[in-house]
């Protein structure tokens, strides 16, 4: 699909995504600093779009592998709910087109010793406690909503 086709889809309909609220057994949560729009420059939980004809279980495995470098299973996660993430911009910075995600937030606890390998969409990762992330102005408000 080319850029204009995808922009037309973004302009016309919400996108469905999975957000991974990854917690270690010591109570820290994984955040990545976003390189891309929307939410560029903010700390955000890992996640990604669900593709057409892709099951939730497959999307969960694919997204965790791409975003974390490890394949996680949806049966090990807890669905926190569906959240609207509405942004004034889009991945291409095209004027007049906002982005609306319906994000399915899934919380999963992983062992402390698992090595996370991020992708090129993030300039860095950090592990923050709930209190730390709620107080940090660079943690996006859509991420904070998972903890309120």
C-alpha atoms as a PDB file:
ATOM      1  CA  UNK A   1       0.000   0.000   0.000  1.00  0.00           C
ATOM      2  CA  UNK A   2       1.412   3.392  -0.899  1.00  0.00           C
ATOM      3  CA  UNK A   3       1.549   6.445   1.380  1.00  0.00           C
ATOM      4  CA  UNK A   4      -1.487   8.190  -0.142  1.00  0.00           C
ATOM      5  CA  UNK A   5      -3.660   5.081   0.180  1.00  0.00           C
ATOM      6  CA  UNK A   6      -2.687   4.713   3.833  1.00  0.00           C
ATOM      7  CA  UNK A   7      -3.307   8.416   4.503  1.00  0.00           C
ATOM      8  CA  UNK A   8      -6.801   8.027   3.002  1.00  0.00           C
ATOM      9  CA  UNK A   9      -7.475   5.134   5.380  1.00  0.00           C
ATOM     10  CA  UNK A  10      -6.208   7.131   8.370  1.00  0.00           C
ATOM     11  CA  UNK A  11      -8.373  10.068   7.330  1.00  0.00           C
ATOM     12  CA  UNK A  12     -11.501   7.909   7.001  1.00  0.00           C
ATOM     13  CA  UNK A  13     -11.410   5.378   9.824  1.00  0.00           C
ATOM     14  CA  UNK A  14      -9.850   4.446  13.168  1.00  0.00           C
ATOM     15  CA  UNK A  15      -6.916   2.054  13.248  1.00  0.00           C
ATOM     16  CA  UNK A  16      -6.958  -0.867  15.684  1.00  0.00           C
ATOM     17  CA  UNK A  17      -3.792  -1.541  17.650  1.00  0.00           C
ATOM     18  CA  UNK A  18      -2.362  -3.472  20.576  1.00  0.00           C
ATOM     19  CA  UNK A  19      -0.384  -1.693  23.284  1.00  0.00           C
ATOM     20  CA  UNK A  20       1.849  -3.781  25.520  1.00  0.00           C
ATOM     21  CA  UNK A  21       2.040  -2.703  29.147  1.00  0.00           C
ATOM     22  CA  UNK A  22       5.151  -4.713  29.998  1.00  0.00           C
ATOM     23  CA  UNK A  23       5.935  -5.016  33.695  1.00  0.00           C
ATOM     24  CA  UNK A  24       8.830  -6.766  35.389  1.00  0.00           C
ATOM     25  CA  UNK A  25       8.403  -8.691  38.615  1.00  0.00           C
ATOM     26  CA  UNK A  26      10.051  -5.751  40.418  1.00  0.00           C
ATOM     27  CA  UNK A  27       7.281  -3.339  39.389  1.00  0.00           C
ATOM     28  CA  UNK A  28       8.978  -1.429  36.556  1.00  0.00           C
ATOM     29  CA  UNK A  29       7.284  -0.732  33.210  1.00  0.00           C
ATOM     30  CA  UNK A  30       8.896  -0.625  29.786  1.00  0.00           C
ATOM     31  CA  UNK A  31       8.687   2.596  27.777  1.00  0.00           C
ATOM     32  CA  UNK A  32      10.268   3.530  24.462  1.00  0.00           C
ATOM     33  CA  UNK A  33      11.039   7.048  23.253  1.00  0.00           C
ATOM     34  CA  UNK A  34       9.229   7.422  19.924  1.00  0.00           C
ATOM     35  CA  UNK A  35      11.075   8.515  16.781  1.00  0.00           C
ATOM     36  CA  UNK A  36       7.938   8.598  14.630  1.00  0.00           C
ATOM     37  CA  UNK A  37       4.678  10.508  14.479  1.00  0.00           C
ATOM     38  CA  UNK A  38       2.243  10.498  16.122  1.00  0.00           C
ATOM     39  CA  UNK A  39       3.539  11.030  19.682  1.00  0.00           C
ATOM     40  CA  UNK A  40       7.044  11.689  18.338  1.00  0.00           C
ATOM     41  CA  UNK A  41       9.532  12.507  21.103  1.00  0.00           C
ATOM     42  CA  UNK A  42       7.364  11.084  23.883  1.00  0.00           C
ATOM     43  CA  UNK A  43       7.885   7.981  26.014  1.00  0.00           C
ATOM     44  CA  UNK A  44       5.224   5.410  25.139  1.00  0.00           C
ATOM     45  CA  UNK A  45       4.466   1.755  25.789  1.00  0.00           C
ATOM     46  CA  UNK A  46       5.396  -0.617  22.936  1.00  0.00           C
ATOM     47  CA  UNK A  47       2.660  -1.477  20.486  1.00  0.00           C
ATOM     48  CA  UNK A  48       1.520  -1.676  16.913  1.00  0.00           C
ATOM     49  CA  UNK A  49      -1.360  -1.909  14.472  1.00  0.00           C
ATOM     50  CA  UNK A  50      -3.350  -5.066  13.921  1.00  0.00           C
ATOM     51  CA  UNK A  51      -3.302  -6.041  10.246  1.00  0.00           C
ATOM     52  CA  UNK A  52      -6.376  -6.988   8.229  1.00  0.00           C
ATOM     53  CA  UNK A  53      -7.258 -10.685   8.670  1.00  0.00           C
ATOM     54  CA  UNK A  54      -4.706 -11.032  11.493  1.00  0.00           C
ATOM     55  CA  UNK A  55      -5.986 -12.627  14.679  1.00  0.00           C
ATOM     56  CA  UNK A  56      -5.380 -10.913  18.011  1.00  0.00           C
ATOM     57  CA  UNK A  57      -3.162 -13.809  19.093  1.00  0.00           C
ATOM     58  CA  UNK A  58      -0.979 -13.566  15.984  1.00  0.00           C
ATOM     59  CA  UNK A  59      -0.812  -9.761  16.167  1.00  0.00           C
ATOM     60  CA  UNK A  60       0.249  -9.960  19.818  1.00  0.00           C
ATOM     61  CA  UNK A  61       3.106 -12.356  18.962  1.00  0.00           C
ATOM     62  CA  UNK A  62       4.215 -10.308  15.940  1.00  0.00           C
ATOM     63  CA  UNK A  63       4.088  -6.964  17.736  1.00  0.00           C
ATOM     64  CA  UNK A  64       5.993  -8.273  20.750  1.00  0.00           C
ATOM     65  CA  UNK A  65       8.657  -9.773  18.502  1.00  0.00           C
ATOM     66  CA  UNK A  66       9.077  -6.560  16.469  1.00  0.00           C
ATOM     67  CA  UNK A  67       8.857  -4.144  19.402  1.00  0.00           C
ATOM     68  CA  UNK A  68      10.691  -6.172  22.069  1.00  0.00           C
ATOM     69  CA  UNK A  69      12.727  -8.797  20.274  1.00  0.00           C
ATOM     70  CA  UNK A  70      10.849 -11.554  22.130  1.00  0.00           C
ATOM     71  CA  UNK A  71       7.688 -13.412  21.197  1.00  0.00           C
ATOM     72  CA  UNK A  72       5.012 -13.183  23.873  1.00  0.00           C
ATOM     73  CA  UNK A  73       1.719 -15.079  24.038  1.00  0.00           C
ATOM     74  CA  UNK A  74      -1.586 -13.276  24.482  1.00  0.00           C
ATOM     75  CA  UNK A  75      -2.818 -15.995  26.851  1.00  0.00           C
ATOM     76  CA  UNK A  76      -0.227 -14.784  29.370  1.00  0.00           C
ATOM     77  CA  UNK A  77      -1.552 -11.199  29.252  1.00  0.00           C
ATOM     78  CA  UNK A  78      -4.470  -9.396  30.856  1.00  0.00           C
ATOM     79  CA  UNK A  79      -6.702  -7.190  28.721  1.00  0.00           C
ATOM     80  CA  UNK A  80      -7.012  -3.825  30.480  1.00  0.00           C
ATOM     81  CA  UNK A  81      -9.530  -2.488  27.982  1.00  0.00           C
ATOM     82  CA  UNK A  82      -9.993  -0.503  24.781  1.00  0.00           C
ATOM     83  CA  UNK A  83      -8.707   3.081  24.694  1.00  0.00           C
ATOM     84  CA  UNK A  84      -9.163   5.911  22.204  1.00  0.00           C
ATOM     85  CA  UNK A  85      -5.865   7.491  21.159  1.00  0.00           C
ATOM     86  CA  UNK A  86      -6.601  10.543  19.019  1.00  0.00           C
ATOM     87  CA  UNK A  87      -3.733  12.633  17.637  1.00  0.00           C
ATOM     88  CA  UNK A  88      -3.757  15.906  15.711  1.00  0.00           C
ATOM     89  CA  UNK A  89      -1.134  14.612  13.268  1.00  0.00           C
ATOM     90  CA  UNK A  90      -0.263  11.479  11.307  1.00  0.00           C
ATOM     91  CA  UNK A  91       2.814   9.395  10.434  1.00  0.00           C
ATOM     92  CA  UNK A  92       3.467  11.533   7.325  1.00  0.00           C
ATOM     93  CA  UNK A  93       2.807  14.986   8.877  1.00  0.00           C
ATOM     94  CA  UNK A  94       0.214  15.630   6.147  1.00  0.00           C
ATOM     95  CA  UNK A  95      -1.820  18.712   7.045  1.00  0.00           C
ATOM     96  CA  UNK A  96      -5.494  18.233   7.876  1.00  0.00           C
ATOM     97  CA  UNK A  97      -5.324  14.504   8.680  1.00  0.00           C
ATOM     98  CA  UNK A  98      -5.462  13.348  12.275  1.00  0.00           C
ATOM     99  CA  UNK A  99      -4.943   9.807  13.543  1.00  0.00           C
ATOM    100  CA  UNK A 100      -7.397   7.823  15.656  1.00  0.00           C
ATOM    101  CA  UNK A 101      -6.343   4.509  17.187  1.00  0.00           C
ATOM    102  CA  UNK A 102      -8.558   2.174  19.139  1.00  0.00           C
ATOM    103  CA  UNK A 103      -5.819   0.653  21.268  1.00  0.00           C
ATOM    104  CA  UNK A 104      -6.312  -2.625  23.098  1.00  0.00           C
ATOM    105  CA  UNK A 105      -4.167  -2.380  26.219  1.00  0.00           C
ATOM    106  CA  UNK A 106      -2.693  -5.690  27.377  1.00  0.00           C
ATOM    107  CA  UNK A 107      -0.645  -5.972  30.569  1.00  0.00           C
ATOM    108  CA  UNK A 108       1.952  -8.703  30.753  1.00  0.00           C
ATOM    109  CA  UNK A 109       4.518  -9.474  33.457  1.00  0.00           C
ATOM    110  CA  UNK A 110       7.911 -10.733  32.312  1.00  0.00           C
ATOM    111  CA  UNK A 111      10.972 -11.943  34.263  1.00  0.00           C
ATOM    112  CA  UNK A 112      13.548  -9.287  35.171  1.00  0.00           C
ATOM    113  CA  UNK A 113      16.337 -11.020  33.250  1.00  0.00           C
ATOM    114  CA  UNK A 114      14.772 -10.971  29.761  1.00  0.00           C
ATOM    115  CA  UNK A 115      16.777  -8.894  27.306  1.00  0.00           C
ATOM    116  CA  UNK A 116      14.680  -6.426  25.317  1.00  0.00           C
ATOM    117  CA  UNK A 117      15.797  -5.510  21.778  1.00  0.00           C
ATOM    118  CA  UNK A 118      13.957  -2.501  20.418  1.00  0.00           C
ATOM    119  CA  UNK A 119      13.417  -1.541  16.811  1.00  0.00           C
ATOM    120  CA  UNK A 120      14.279   1.601  14.845  1.00  0.00           C
ATOM    121  CA  UNK A 121      11.039   3.293  15.908  1.00  0.00           C
ATOM    122  CA  UNK A 122      12.557   4.119  19.292  1.00  0.00           C
ATOM    123  CA  UNK A 123      15.644   6.141  20.213  1.00  0.00           C
ATOM    124  CA  UNK A 124      15.862   4.427  23.579  1.00  0.00           C
ATOM    125  CA  UNK A 125      14.051   2.458  26.241  1.00  0.00           C
ATOM    126  CA  UNK A 126      13.658   2.877  29.970  1.00  0.00           C
ATOM    127  CA  UNK A 127      12.083   1.027  32.849  1.00  0.00           C
ATOM    128  CA  UNK A 128      10.024   3.277  35.140  1.00  0.00           C
ATOM    129  CA  UNK A 129       7.861   2.663  38.172  1.00  0.00           C
ATOM    130  CA  UNK A 130       4.216   3.635  37.947  1.00  0.00           C
ATOM    131  CA  UNK A 131       4.882   6.675  40.141  1.00  0.00           C
ATOM    132  CA  UNK A 132       7.858   7.773  38.005  1.00  0.00           C
ATOM    133  CA  UNK A 133       5.997   7.535  34.715  1.00  0.00           C
ATOM    134  CA  UNK A 134       2.917   9.326  36.020  1.00  0.00           C
ATOM    135  CA  UNK A 135       5.078  12.272  37.157  1.00  0.00           C
ATOM    136  CA  UNK A 136       7.172  12.475  33.958  1.00  0.00           C
ATOM    137  CA  UNK A 137       5.998  15.164  31.502  1.00  0.00           C
ATOM    138  CA  UNK A 138       7.644  13.319  28.589  1.00  0.00           C
ATOM    139  CA  UNK A 139       5.518  10.205  29.129  1.00  0.00           C
ATOM    140  CA  UNK A 140       2.588  10.599  26.735  1.00  0.00           C
ATOM    141  CA  UNK A 141      -0.827  11.072  28.320  1.00  0.00           C
ATOM    142  CA  UNK A 142      -2.176   8.057  26.394  1.00  0.00           C
ATOM    143  CA  UNK A 143       0.409   5.877  28.133  1.00  0.00           C
ATOM    144  CA  UNK A 144      -0.435   7.376  31.523  1.00  0.00           C
ATOM    145  CA  UNK A 145      -4.097   6.437  31.007  1.00  0.00           C
ATOM    146  CA  UNK A 146      -3.183   2.757  31.421  1.00  0.00           C
ATOM    147  CA  UNK A 147      -2.163   3.528  35.012  1.00  0.00           C
ATOM    148  CA  UNK A 148      -5.006   5.800  36.131  1.00  0.00           C
END
